[in-house]
Amino acid sequence: MRVLLLYPVFPQSFWSFEKALQLVGRKAMLPPLGLITVAAILPQEWEFKLVDRNLREATEAEWDWADLVIMSAMIVQKGDLLDQIREAKRRGKKVAVGGPYATALPNEVAEADYLILDEGEITLPMFVEAVQKGETHGIYRAGGDRPDVSTTPIPRFDLLDFDAYDNMSVQFSRGCPFQCEFCDIIVLYGRKPRTKSPEQLLAELDRLYELGWRRSIFMVDDNFIGNKRNVKLLLKALKEWMIEHEHPFSLSTEASVDLAQDPELMEMMVECNFNSVFLGIETPDESSLTLTNKHQNTRDSLSDAVDAIARKGLRVMAGFIIGFDGETSGAGDRIVRFVEQTTIPIAIFSMLQALPDTALWHRLKKEGRLVEDVANINQTTLMNFVPTRPLEEVTREYIDGFWRLYDPVNYLDRAYRHFMKLGAPRHRSKLRKVTWKVVQAFLTICWRQGVVRETRWIFWHHLFSILRNNPKVVEHYLAVCALNEHFYEYRQEVRTKIEAQLADYLARQRLESSIESVNAPVV
């Protein structure tokens, strides 16, 4: 069986970082970990070719070669996924589809021949058995079962073009113990975190090391510390591995805010060369956190948590959401002030979306408030439900907040204040080399941000101040400065697209109001 693994295009988004990636000659932030894990689970006597459409198109030769096309996608990739299913069918190819989007909304990908839903460790063997029996179509579901991920094989990293990606991906755990109303992770993977064994994850790192990877790795767990006992067992083993291999990778991940309450865990992460962590803060409004069941964020001071994590040596990234039920006016401004106070450089700010099959989605559907059944998980689309305060008010606060957060001067100043208090890294790899491309990127940043733009004075002031006061973080600091290249243009993209959608929405509202007034009975 010759299998073409096809990964759909991501639209431009907060995380796409195109302009920053161009500086260092990369084409995408992360590889399709799901598809290369699928390739590892399927029979190894099958042949595989991977085409990540974020890097390039599939060639005619690759299409002709394939007996079967397998795709996986998140909701944000919906458009290109559907296009590629049709293209494959036009070419007479059998198509199998899986991943979060297909699992949540299987009816929308019904054109595919095979739907391999839920977690592949359970459903891929069902699919293989069906194909071997000669079945030409089918839907394969786990029936509520969750796989033991300690049996998951090493992903087929050898299928990737390492030069194209800025970060590599690995996964230690699935699932999250919390019950946030808007989150689809607990729907997809459950509330009992399941982890790989330390030996298993180290074998994946061995494979990456063997293949020559020497850059950053993102631990894609939705809550890396969901099972703290197992995480500490991993970190104990990982520390020794890093020492033996001279710290070839820097690591980052996602975690819940209660990380700040475990100094031992933070220390272990820093010793293992973790340098950043993404936190789902969502909002500083405690009432909204309570209403959406994010109780873990209400137990201690969020600002103190951010400060504790940063001072330990983990740069904080965070997610923020506007549009919760019961939210009062000024929520956008409160989020901006919180981000500025806590100095979080990269704050992903979005309007709330009701994701399919989440508790929020079911509640809003029951209340008749869903506008669309499918959420557009992007910073450039309006909410997909009717909020409890006027949509225009929420939207204008969002536009204003995003514009202020990513004002180039504000961004650089916030990054500077964060890095001034950031704990210095304990280790630096002796294996990484400074390439000419990196030097070019540095010179480009200096020219654009230090000469051409209005950031010129603070750019040089902040850079030299970091060099004097916290020199060990300067390389990390410059990487965050480089991301300003993305936000410099993306904030305008957000404003333009959201304002256009808001104008359309208001025009429809006026039209509906006019029709109602015309049709109103005369008294």
Protein backbone atom coordinates (compact mmCIF):
# COMPACT_ATOMS: atom_id res chain seq x y z
CA MET A 1 0.00 0.00 0.00
CA ARG A 2 1.41 3.38 -1.06
CA VAL A 3 0.12 6.12 1.23
CA LEU A 4 0.28 9.86 0.58
CA LEU A 5 0.01 11.72 3.89
CA LEU A 6 -1.41 15.15 3.07
CA TYR A 7 -1.49 17.98 5.61
CA PRO A 8 -3.82 20.92 4.78
CA VAL A 9 -2.88 24.59 4.78
CA PHE A 10 -3.23 26.74 7.90
CA PRO A 11 -4.66 30.18 7.12
CA GLN A 12 -2.76 33.18 8.36
CA SER A 13 -3.23 33.38 12.12
CA PHE A 14 -1.70 34.63 15.34
CA TRP A 15 0.63 31.62 15.40
CA SER A 16 1.65 31.52 11.74
CA PHE A 17 4.56 33.98 12.21
CA GLU A 18 5.27 34.17 8.46
CA LYS A 19 7.42 37.31 8.56
CA ALA A 20 9.47 36.08 11.51
CA LEU A 21 10.00 32.67 9.89
CA GLN A 22 11.21 34.30 6.69
CA LEU A 23 14.02 35.92 8.64
CA VAL A 24 15.56 32.53 9.43
CA GLY A 25 14.58 30.76 6.22
CA ARG A 26 11.84 28.55 7.69
CA LYS A 27 8.43 27.86 6.16
CA ALA A 28 6.33 26.67 9.12
CA MET A 29 6.45 26.74 12.90
CA LEU A 30 5.61 23.09 13.59
CA PRO A 31 5.38 19.82 11.67
CA PRO A 32 2.25 17.61 11.44
CA LEU A 33 2.93 15.41 14.47
CA GLY A 34 -0.43 13.67 14.12
CA LEU A 35 0.26 12.44 10.58
CA ILE A 36 3.75 11.14 11.33
CA THR A 37 2.32 9.33 14.36
CA VAL A 38 -0.33 7.81 12.07
CA ALA A 39 2.49 6.66 9.78
CA ALA A 40 4.16 4.97 12.76
CA ILE A 41 0.98 3.13 13.81
CA LEU A 42 0.11 1.85 10.33
CA PRO A 43 1.81 -1.32 8.99
CA GLN A 44 5.47 -0.53 8.39
CA GLU A 45 5.55 -2.60 5.22
CA TRP A 46 3.33 0.11 3.70
CA GLU A 47 5.15 2.95 1.90
CA PHE A 48 4.68 6.56 2.95
CA LYS A 49 5.25 10.00 1.49
CA LEU A 50 4.40 13.16 3.41
CA VAL A 51 3.34 16.43 1.81
CA ASP A 52 2.81 19.34 4.19
CA ARG A 53 0.91 21.85 2.09
CA ASN A 54 2.16 24.64 4.34
CA LEU A 55 5.53 23.97 2.70
CA ARG A 56 4.66 22.94 -0.85
CA GLU A 57 2.10 21.39 -3.20
CA ALA A 58 1.96 17.67 -3.92
CA THR A 59 3.58 16.86 -7.26
CA GLU A 60 1.85 15.03 -10.09
CA ALA A 61 4.24 12.14 -9.51
CA GLU A 62 3.21 11.92 -5.85
CA TRP A 63 -0.48 11.92 -6.74
CA ASP A 64 0.08 9.21 -9.36
CA TRP A 65 2.17 7.12 -6.94
CA ALA A 66 -0.45 6.99 -4.17
CA ASP A 67 -2.95 4.15 -3.66
CA LEU A 68 -4.46 5.93 -0.66
CA VAL A 69 -4.49 9.53 0.61
CA ILE A 70 -4.68 10.11 4.37
CA MET A 71 -5.38 13.58 5.80
CA SER A 72 -5.70 15.03 9.28
CA ALA A 73 -6.80 18.54 10.21
CA MET A 74 -7.90 20.92 12.90
CA ILE A 75 -11.01 23.07 12.46
CA VAL A 76 -8.97 26.06 11.31
CA GLN A 77 -7.72 23.94 8.36
CA LYS A 78 -11.25 23.07 7.26
CA GLY A 79 -11.22 24.97 3.96
CA ASP A 80 -8.13 23.37 2.48
CA LEU A 81 -8.99 19.93 3.88
CA LEU A 82 -12.31 19.89 2.02
CA ASP A 83 -10.62 21.14 -1.15
CA GLN A 84 -8.00 18.37 -0.98
CA ILE A 85 -10.61 15.66 -0.36
CA ARG A 86 -12.36 16.77 -3.57
CA GLU A 87 -9.06 16.94 -5.45
CA ALA A 88 -8.12 13.42 -4.37
CA LYS A 89 -11.55 12.10 -5.34
CA ARG A 90 -11.28 13.86 -8.71
CA ARG A 91 -8.08 11.94 -9.27
CA GLY A 92 -9.75 8.66 -8.41
CA LYS A 93 -7.92 8.18 -5.10
CA LYS A 94 -9.27 6.54 -1.97
CA VAL A 95 -9.32 9.07 0.88
CA ALA A 96 -9.13 8.54 4.63
CA VAL A 97 -9.61 11.46 7.03
CA GLY A 98 -9.10 11.83 10.77
CA GLY A 99 -8.02 14.38 13.36
CA PRO A 100 -9.88 16.85 15.60
CA TYR A 101 -12.04 18.42 12.87
CA ALA A 102 -13.31 15.13 11.45
CA THR A 103 -13.83 13.72 14.93
CA ALA A 104 -15.93 16.72 16.01
CA LEU A 105 -17.93 17.10 12.78
CA PRO A 106 -17.78 13.85 10.78
CA ASN A 107 -20.78 14.81 8.62
CA GLU A 108 -18.77 17.65 7.10
CA VAL A 109 -16.12 15.27 5.71
CA ALA A 110 -18.56 12.63 4.48
CA GLU A 111 -17.03 12.79 0.97
CA ALA A 112 -14.05 10.83 2.29
CA ASP A 113 -14.12 7.05 1.84
CA TYR A 114 -12.86 6.28 5.34
CA LEU A 115 -13.36 8.29 8.54
CA ILE A 116 -10.75 7.31 11.15
CA LEU A 117 -12.06 9.21 14.16
CA ASP A 118 -11.10 9.65 17.82
CA GLU A 119 -7.59 8.48 18.81
CA GLY A 120 -5.69 6.54 16.17
CA GLU A 121 -4.14 3.95 18.46
CA ILE A 122 -7.63 2.40 18.66
CA THR A 123 -9.21 3.25 15.30
CA LEU A 124 -6.28 2.85 12.90
CA PRO A 125 -6.05 -0.93 13.50
CA MET A 126 -9.80 -1.12 12.75
CA PHE A 127 -9.17 0.72 9.49
CA VAL A 128 -6.24 -1.51 8.53
CA GLU A 129 -8.29 -4.64 9.15
CA ALA A 130 -11.12 -3.24 7.01
CA VAL A 131 -8.75 -2.40 4.14
CA GLN A 132 -7.17 -5.84 4.29
CA LYS A 133 -10.67 -7.34 4.01
CA GLY A 134 -11.25 -5.27 0.89
CA GLU A 135 -13.77 -2.85 2.40
CA THR A 136 -13.98 0.32 0.30
CA HIS A 137 -15.47 2.67 2.88
CA GLY A 138 -16.21 2.87 6.59
CA ILE A 139 -16.36 4.89 9.79
CA TYR A 140 -14.14 3.82 12.68
CA ARG A 141 -14.77 5.09 16.21
CA ALA A 142 -13.32 4.25 19.61
CA GLY A 143 -16.70 3.92 21.32
CA GLY A 144 -15.64 6.02 24.28
CA ASP A 145 -12.42 4.08 24.93
CA ARG A 146 -9.11 5.87 25.47
CA PRO A 147 -5.83 4.30 24.36
CA ASP A 148 -2.86 3.61 26.58
CA VAL A 149 -0.37 6.05 25.04
CA SER A 150 2.53 4.18 26.61
CA THR A 151 2.21 1.82 23.63
CA THR A 152 2.31 4.58 20.98
CA PRO A 153 5.31 4.08 18.65
CA ILE A 154 7.96 6.68 17.89
CA PRO A 155 6.57 9.08 15.23
CA ARG A 156 8.07 8.81 11.77
CA PHE A 157 10.27 11.90 12.13
CA ASP A 158 12.27 10.67 9.14
CA LEU A 159 9.41 11.73 6.84
CA LEU A 160 9.91 15.40 7.71
CA ASP A 161 11.97 18.10 6.00
CA PHE A 162 13.80 19.37 9.09
CA ASP A 163 15.09 22.50 7.38
CA ALA A 164 11.53 23.75 6.79
CA TYR A 165 10.40 23.86 10.43
CA ASP A 166 11.32 26.28 13.17
CA ASN A 167 10.33 23.93 16.01
CA MET A 168 9.90 20.20 16.34
CA SER A 169 6.89 18.60 18.09
CA VAL A 170 6.69 15.78 20.61
CA GLN A 171 3.87 14.72 22.91
CA PHE A 172 4.10 13.34 26.44
CA SER A 173 0.47 13.34 27.58
CA ARG A 174 -3.14 13.62 26.43
CA GLY A 175 -6.08 14.92 28.42
CA CYS A 176 -6.57 17.56 31.11
CA PRO A 177 -8.05 17.18 34.63
CA PHE A 178 -10.01 20.46 34.51
CA GLN A 179 -13.49 21.16 33.11
CA CYS A 180 -13.42 24.54 31.36
CA GLU A 181 -16.77 24.95 29.60
CA PHE A 182 -15.33 26.24 26.31
CA CYS A 183 -12.50 23.70 25.93
CA ASP A 184 -12.64 20.84 23.42
CA ILE A 185 -9.52 19.07 24.71
CA ILE A 186 -11.46 17.28 27.43
CA VAL A 187 -14.02 16.26 24.78
CA LEU A 188 -11.36 14.88 22.44
CA TYR A 189 -8.98 13.35 25.00
CA GLY A 190 -10.82 13.15 28.31
CA ARG A 191 -10.19 14.49 31.79
CA LYS A 192 -7.81 11.77 32.93
CA PRO A 193 -4.31 12.70 31.71
CA ARG A 194 -2.57 9.72 30.11
CA THR A 195 1.19 9.84 29.75
CA LYS A 196 3.95 8.06 27.92
CA SER A 197 6.74 6.51 29.96
CA PRO A 198 9.95 8.52 30.47
CA GLU A 199 11.86 5.87 28.49
CA GLN A 200 9.39 6.20 25.64
CA LEU A 201 9.75 9.97 25.36
CA LEU A 202 13.53 9.79 25.66
CA ALA A 203 13.52 7.28 22.79
CA GLU A 204 11.74 9.92 20.68
CA LEU A 205 14.39 12.48 21.62
CA ASP A 206 17.08 9.93 20.76
CA ARG A 207 15.53 9.54 17.34
CA LEU A 208 15.42 13.29 16.74
CA TYR A 209 19.02 13.60 17.92
CA GLU A 210 20.06 10.75 15.62
CA LEU A 211 18.36 12.46 12.66
CA GLY A 212 20.28 15.67 13.37
CA TRP A 213 17.69 17.94 15.00
CA ARG A 214 19.40 20.55 17.21
CA ARG A 215 16.82 23.31 17.69
CA SER A 216 13.71 23.98 19.74
CA ILE A 217 11.09 21.38 20.61
CA PHE A 218 7.51 22.18 21.53
CA MET A 219 5.89 19.68 23.89
CA VAL A 220 2.40 19.82 22.41
CA ASP A 221 0.55 18.57 25.52
CA ASP A 222 -2.48 20.73 26.20
CA ASN A 223 -1.58 20.60 29.88
CA PHE A 224 1.94 19.25 30.38
CA ILE A 225 1.49 19.17 34.18
CA GLY A 226 -1.92 17.46 34.20
CA ASN A 227 -0.31 14.44 35.86
CA LYS A 228 2.37 16.01 38.05
CA ARG A 229 3.68 12.74 39.44
CA ASN A 230 4.44 11.34 35.99
CA VAL A 231 5.80 14.65 34.74
CA LYS A 232 8.32 14.75 37.58
CA LEU A 233 9.41 11.19 36.78
CA LEU A 234 9.95 12.29 33.17
CA LEU A 235 11.86 15.43 34.15
CA LYS A 236 14.16 13.47 36.45
CA ALA A 237 15.14 11.20 33.56
CA LEU A 238 15.19 14.06 31.03
CA LYS A 239 17.66 16.04 33.12
CA GLU A 240 20.20 13.23 32.88
CA TRP A 241 19.56 12.81 29.15
CA MET A 242 20.13 16.52 28.56
CA ILE A 243 23.40 16.47 30.47
CA GLU A 244 24.65 13.44 28.53
CA HIS A 245 23.77 15.07 25.20
CA GLU A 246 25.00 18.58 26.13
CA HIS A 247 21.52 20.14 26.07
CA PRO A 248 20.89 19.95 22.31
CA PHE A 249 17.30 21.21 22.54
CA SER A 250 15.46 24.06 24.21
CA LEU A 251 11.92 23.11 25.22
CA SER A 252 8.56 24.83 25.58
CA THR A 253 5.06 23.63 26.42
CA GLU A 254 1.57 24.48 27.69
CA ALA A 255 0.54 24.21 31.34
CA SER A 256 -2.16 25.26 33.76
CA VAL A 257 -1.54 28.29 35.97
CA ASP A 258 -1.13 26.11 39.08
CA LEU A 259 2.40 25.46 37.83
CA ALA A 260 3.31 28.57 39.85
CA GLN A 261 2.36 26.77 43.07
CA ASP A 262 4.99 24.04 42.55
CA PRO A 263 8.51 25.50 42.83
CA GLU A 264 10.07 22.03 42.57
CA LEU A 265 8.33 21.37 39.26
CA MET A 266 9.36 24.73 37.82
CA GLU A 267 12.96 24.14 38.93
CA MET A 268 12.99 20.72 37.28
CA MET A 269 11.64 22.18 34.03
CA VAL A 270 14.30 24.88 33.94
CA GLU A 271 17.03 22.31 34.69
CA CYS A 272 15.77 20.34 31.66
CA ASN A 273 16.16 23.42 29.42
CA PHE A 274 12.52 24.48 29.23
CA ASN A 275 12.56 28.20 28.48
CA SER A 276 8.88 29.12 27.96
CA VAL A 277 5.39 28.02 28.86
CA PHE A 278 1.94 28.90 27.52
CA LEU A 279 -0.76 29.56 30.15
CA GLY A 280 -4.50 29.68 29.56
CA ILE A 281 -5.27 32.75 31.68
CA GLU A 282 -8.33 33.77 29.60
CA THR A 283 -9.40 36.84 31.63
CA PRO A 284 -8.58 38.67 34.85
CA ASP A 285 -12.35 38.81 35.60
CA GLU A 286 -12.92 36.23 38.33
CA SER A 287 -16.67 36.12 37.71
CA SER A 288 -16.12 35.07 34.09
CA LEU A 289 -13.61 32.42 35.13
CA THR A 290 -16.09 31.01 37.63
CA LEU A 291 -18.96 31.00 35.14
CA THR A 292 -16.90 29.11 32.54
CA ASN A 293 -15.72 26.56 35.16
CA LYS A 294 -12.08 27.63 35.03
CA HIS A 295 -11.88 27.45 38.82
CA GLN A 296 -8.16 26.64 38.85
CA ASN A 297 -7.49 30.27 37.82
CA THR A 298 -9.41 31.73 40.76
CA ARG A 299 -7.54 30.11 43.65
CA ASP A 300 -4.49 32.40 43.69
CA SER A 301 -3.38 35.71 42.23
CA LEU A 302 -2.91 35.38 38.47
CA SER A 303 -0.41 38.24 38.36
CA ASP A 304 1.64 36.65 41.16
CA ALA A 305 1.59 33.35 39.27
CA VAL A 306 2.94 34.94 36.08
CA ASP A 307 5.66 36.71 38.06
CA ALA A 308 6.72 33.53 39.89
CA ILE A 309 6.96 31.51 36.69
CA ALA A 310 8.96 34.20 34.86
CA ARG A 311 11.40 34.76 37.70
CA LYS A 312 12.08 31.03 37.79
CA GLY A 313 13.26 31.25 34.16
CA LEU A 314 10.20 30.35 32.07
CA ARG A 315 9.03 33.04 29.66
CA VAL A 316 5.27 33.29 29.89
CA MET A 317 2.99 33.22 26.87
CA ALA A 318 -0.74 33.36 27.58
CA GLY A 319 -4.18 33.12 26.04
CA PHE A 320 -6.94 35.69 26.67
CA ILE A 321 -10.59 35.63 25.63
CA ILE A 322 -13.28 38.28 25.43
CA GLY A 323 -17.02 37.60 25.19
CA PHE A 324 -17.86 35.40 28.16
CA ASP A 325 -21.47 35.38 29.36
CA GLY A 326 -22.14 37.97 32.05
CA GLU A 327 -19.02 39.92 31.11
CA THR A 328 -19.25 43.62 31.87
CA SER A 329 -18.19 46.56 29.71
CA GLY A 330 -14.48 47.28 29.60
CA ALA A 331 -13.33 43.64 29.57
CA GLY A 332 -10.96 44.34 26.67
CA ASP A 333 -9.29 47.19 28.53
CA ARG A 334 -8.98 45.04 31.67
CA ILE A 335 -7.20 42.35 29.67
CA VAL A 336 -4.80 44.87 28.12
CA ARG A 337 -4.01 46.36 31.52
CA PHE A 338 -3.41 42.89 32.97
CA VAL A 339 -1.04 41.96 30.13
CA GLU A 340 0.87 45.23 30.52
CA GLN A 341 1.06 44.84 34.30
CA THR A 342 2.33 41.26 34.11
CA THR A 343 4.63 42.07 31.13
CA ILE A 344 3.54 39.00 29.11
CA PRO A 345 5.10 39.63 25.67
CA ILE A 346 3.01 37.19 23.61
CA ALA A 347 -0.64 37.35 24.63
CA ILE A 348 -2.97 35.58 22.20
CA PHE A 349 -6.19 37.61 22.33
CA SER A 350 -9.36 36.19 20.78
CA MET A 351 -13.12 36.50 20.84
CA LEU A 352 -14.79 33.49 22.42
CA GLN A 353 -15.84 30.73 20.04
CA ALA A 354 -18.18 27.85 20.91
CA LEU A 355 -16.26 24.80 19.73
CA PRO A 356 -18.27 21.79 18.52
CA ASP A 357 -19.38 19.30 21.17
CA THR A 358 -18.05 21.34 24.12
CA ALA A 359 -20.23 22.06 27.14
CA LEU A 360 -20.45 25.68 25.95
CA TRP A 361 -21.57 24.60 22.47
CA HIS A 362 -24.30 22.34 23.86
CA ARG A 363 -25.54 25.02 26.28
CA LEU A 364 -25.70 27.74 23.64
CA LYS A 365 -27.38 25.43 21.15
CA LYS A 366 -30.04 24.58 23.76
CA GLU A 367 -30.52 28.32 24.40
CA GLY A 368 -30.85 29.02 20.66
CA ARG A 369 -27.82 31.33 20.66
CA LEU A 370 -25.52 29.55 18.19
CA VAL A 371 -25.09 31.53 14.97
CA GLU A 372 -22.92 28.91 13.28
CA ASP A 373 -22.36 25.28 14.19
CA VAL A 374 -18.67 25.51 13.28
CA ALA A 375 -16.27 27.78 15.10
CA ASN A 376 -13.56 29.65 13.21
CA ILE A 377 -10.66 29.39 15.60
CA ASN A 378 -8.88 32.47 14.41
CA GLN A 379 -8.31 36.05 15.50
CA THR A 380 -9.95 37.41 12.35
CA THR A 381 -13.53 36.13 12.73
CA LEU A 382 -16.51 37.25 14.76
CA MET A 383 -18.00 35.11 17.52
CA ASN A 384 -20.18 32.20 16.38
CA PHE A 385 -22.89 32.84 18.97
CA VAL A 386 -24.95 35.69 20.42
CA PRO A 387 -23.17 37.11 23.50
CA THR A 388 -24.95 38.49 26.56
CA ARG A 389 -23.78 42.02 25.84
CA PRO A 390 -24.01 43.72 22.43
CA LEU A 391 -21.78 42.07 19.85
CA GLU A 392 -20.71 45.48 18.54
CA GLU A 393 -19.44 46.44 22.01
CA VAL A 394 -17.49 43.20 22.44
CA THR A 395 -16.04 43.49 18.94
CA ARG A 396 -14.90 47.10 19.28
CA GLU A 397 -13.22 46.30 22.60
CA TYR A 398 -11.48 43.37 20.93
CA ILE A 399 -10.23 45.43 17.98
CA ASP A 400 -8.98 48.17 20.28
CA GLY A 401 -7.34 45.70 22.67
CA PHE A 402 -5.53 43.75 19.94
CA TRP A 403 -4.33 46.98 18.33
CA ARG A 404 -2.91 48.27 21.61
CA LEU A 405 -1.30 44.97 22.63
CA TYR A 406 0.62 44.73 19.38
CA ASP A 407 1.57 48.34 18.92
CA PRO A 408 5.28 47.85 18.06
CA VAL A 409 6.48 50.13 20.87
CA ASN A 410 4.18 48.56 23.46
CA TYR A 411 5.22 45.07 22.41
CA LEU A 412 8.97 45.77 22.65
CA ASP A 413 8.60 47.55 25.95
CA ARG A 414 6.58 44.69 27.43
CA ALA A 415 9.09 42.12 26.19
CA TYR A 416 11.94 44.13 27.68
CA ARG A 417 10.29 44.34 31.11
CA HIS A 418 9.56 40.61 31.02
CA PHE A 419 13.12 39.66 30.13
CA MET A 420 14.57 41.97 32.75
CA LYS A 421 12.94 39.82 35.43
CA LEU A 422 13.25 36.49 33.58
CA GLY A 423 15.42 33.98 35.35
CA ALA A 424 18.59 33.23 33.40
CA PRO A 425 18.88 29.84 31.64
CA ARG A 426 20.97 27.24 33.47
CA HIS A 427 22.42 25.65 30.39
CA ARG A 428 23.42 26.55 26.87
CA SER A 429 24.00 23.96 24.17
CA LYS A 430 27.56 23.60 22.95
CA LEU A 431 26.26 21.95 19.79
CA ARG A 432 24.38 24.77 18.09
CA LYS A 433 26.18 26.88 15.53
CA VAL A 434 25.50 30.47 14.54
CA THR A 435 24.69 30.40 10.84
CA TRP A 436 24.91 33.22 8.32
CA LYS A 437 21.10 33.13 8.11
CA VAL A 438 20.86 33.89 11.82
CA VAL A 439 23.32 36.77 11.43
CA GLN A 440 21.25 38.13 8.54
CA ALA A 441 18.10 37.87 10.65
CA PHE A 442 19.77 39.81 13.48
CA LEU A 443 20.93 42.56 11.11
CA THR A 444 17.46 42.79 9.54
CA ILE A 445 15.83 43.20 12.96
CA CYS A 446 18.37 45.86 13.91
CA TRP A 447 17.70 47.75 10.68
CA ARG A 448 13.91 47.59 10.78
CA GLN A 449 13.30 47.98 14.50
CA GLY A 450 16.42 49.93 15.40
CA VAL A 451 16.64 52.36 12.47
CA VAL A 452 13.57 52.50 10.21
CA ARG A 453 10.63 52.36 12.61
CA GLU A 454 9.38 54.38 15.55
CA THR A 455 10.80 51.69 17.83
CA ARG A 456 14.36 52.82 17.07
CA TRP A 457 15.17 54.46 20.42
CA ILE A 458 13.68 51.87 22.73
CA PHE A 459 15.05 49.01 20.62
CA TRP A 460 18.67 50.02 21.26
CA HIS A 461 18.05 51.14 24.83
CA HIS A 462 16.37 47.86 25.75
CA LEU A 463 18.92 45.67 23.93
CA PHE A 464 21.90 47.26 25.65
CA SER A 465 20.11 47.21 28.99
CA ILE A 466 19.46 43.46 28.62
CA LEU A 467 23.12 42.94 27.69
CA ARG A 468 24.20 44.79 30.84
CA ASN A 469 21.69 43.43 33.33
CA ASN A 470 20.61 39.96 32.17
CA PRO A 471 23.00 38.96 29.36
CA LYS A 472 22.23 35.22 29.43
CA VAL A 473 18.72 35.84 28.09
CA VAL A 474 19.75 38.05 25.15
CA GLU A 475 19.48 35.33 22.48
CA HIS A 476 16.01 34.44 23.73
CA TYR A 477 15.08 38.14 23.91
CA LEU A 478 16.10 38.75 20.28
CA ALA A 479 13.97 35.78 19.18
CA VAL A 480 10.95 37.43 20.81
CA CYS A 481 11.87 40.76 19.20
CA ALA A 482 11.84 38.97 15.83
CA LEU A 483 8.18 38.03 16.37
CA ASN A 484 7.38 41.74 16.26
CA GLU A 485 7.83 41.41 12.50
CA HIS A 486 4.74 39.22 12.39
CA PHE A 487 2.61 41.34 14.71
CA TYR A 488 3.63 44.55 12.91
CA GLU A 489 1.45 43.47 9.97
CA TYR A 490 -0.93 41.01 11.60
CA ARG A 491 -2.58 43.53 13.91
CA GLN A 492 -3.68 45.48 10.80
CA GLU A 493 -5.00 42.23 9.32
CA VAL A 494 -7.07 41.62 12.45
CA ARG A 495 -8.46 45.16 12.48
CA THR A 496 -9.33 45.21 8.75
CA LYS A 497 -11.06 41.82 8.69
CA ILE A 498 -12.96 42.22 11.95
CA GLU A 499 -14.14 45.75 11.08
CA ALA A 500 -15.39 44.49 7.70
CA GLN A 501 -17.34 41.65 9.33
CA LEU A 502 -18.72 44.00 11.97
CA ALA A 503 -19.88 46.43 9.26
CA ASP A 504 -21.66 43.56 7.45
CA TYR A 505 -23.27 42.46 10.72
CA LEU A 506 -24.50 45.98 11.52
CA ALA A 507 -25.84 46.41 7.98
CA ARG A 508 -27.82 43.18 8.33
CA GLN A 509 -29.13 44.34 11.69
CA ARG A 510 -30.32 47.63 10.19
CA LEU A 511 -31.94 45.83 7.27
CA GLU A 512 -33.76 43.40 9.56
CA SER A 513 -34.89 46.29 11.73
CA SER A 514 -36.22 48.17 8.67
CA ILE A 515 -38.13 45.10 7.47
CA GLU A 516 -39.66 44.63 10.90
CA SER A 517 -40.75 48.26 11.07
CA VAL A 518 -42.31 48.08 7.60
CA ASN A 519 -44.17 44.89 8.47
CA ALA A 520 -45.28 46.13 11.88
CA PRO A 521 -49.07 46.50 12.13
CA VAL A 522 -50.45 50.05 12.08
CA VAL A 523 -52.25 50.91 15.31
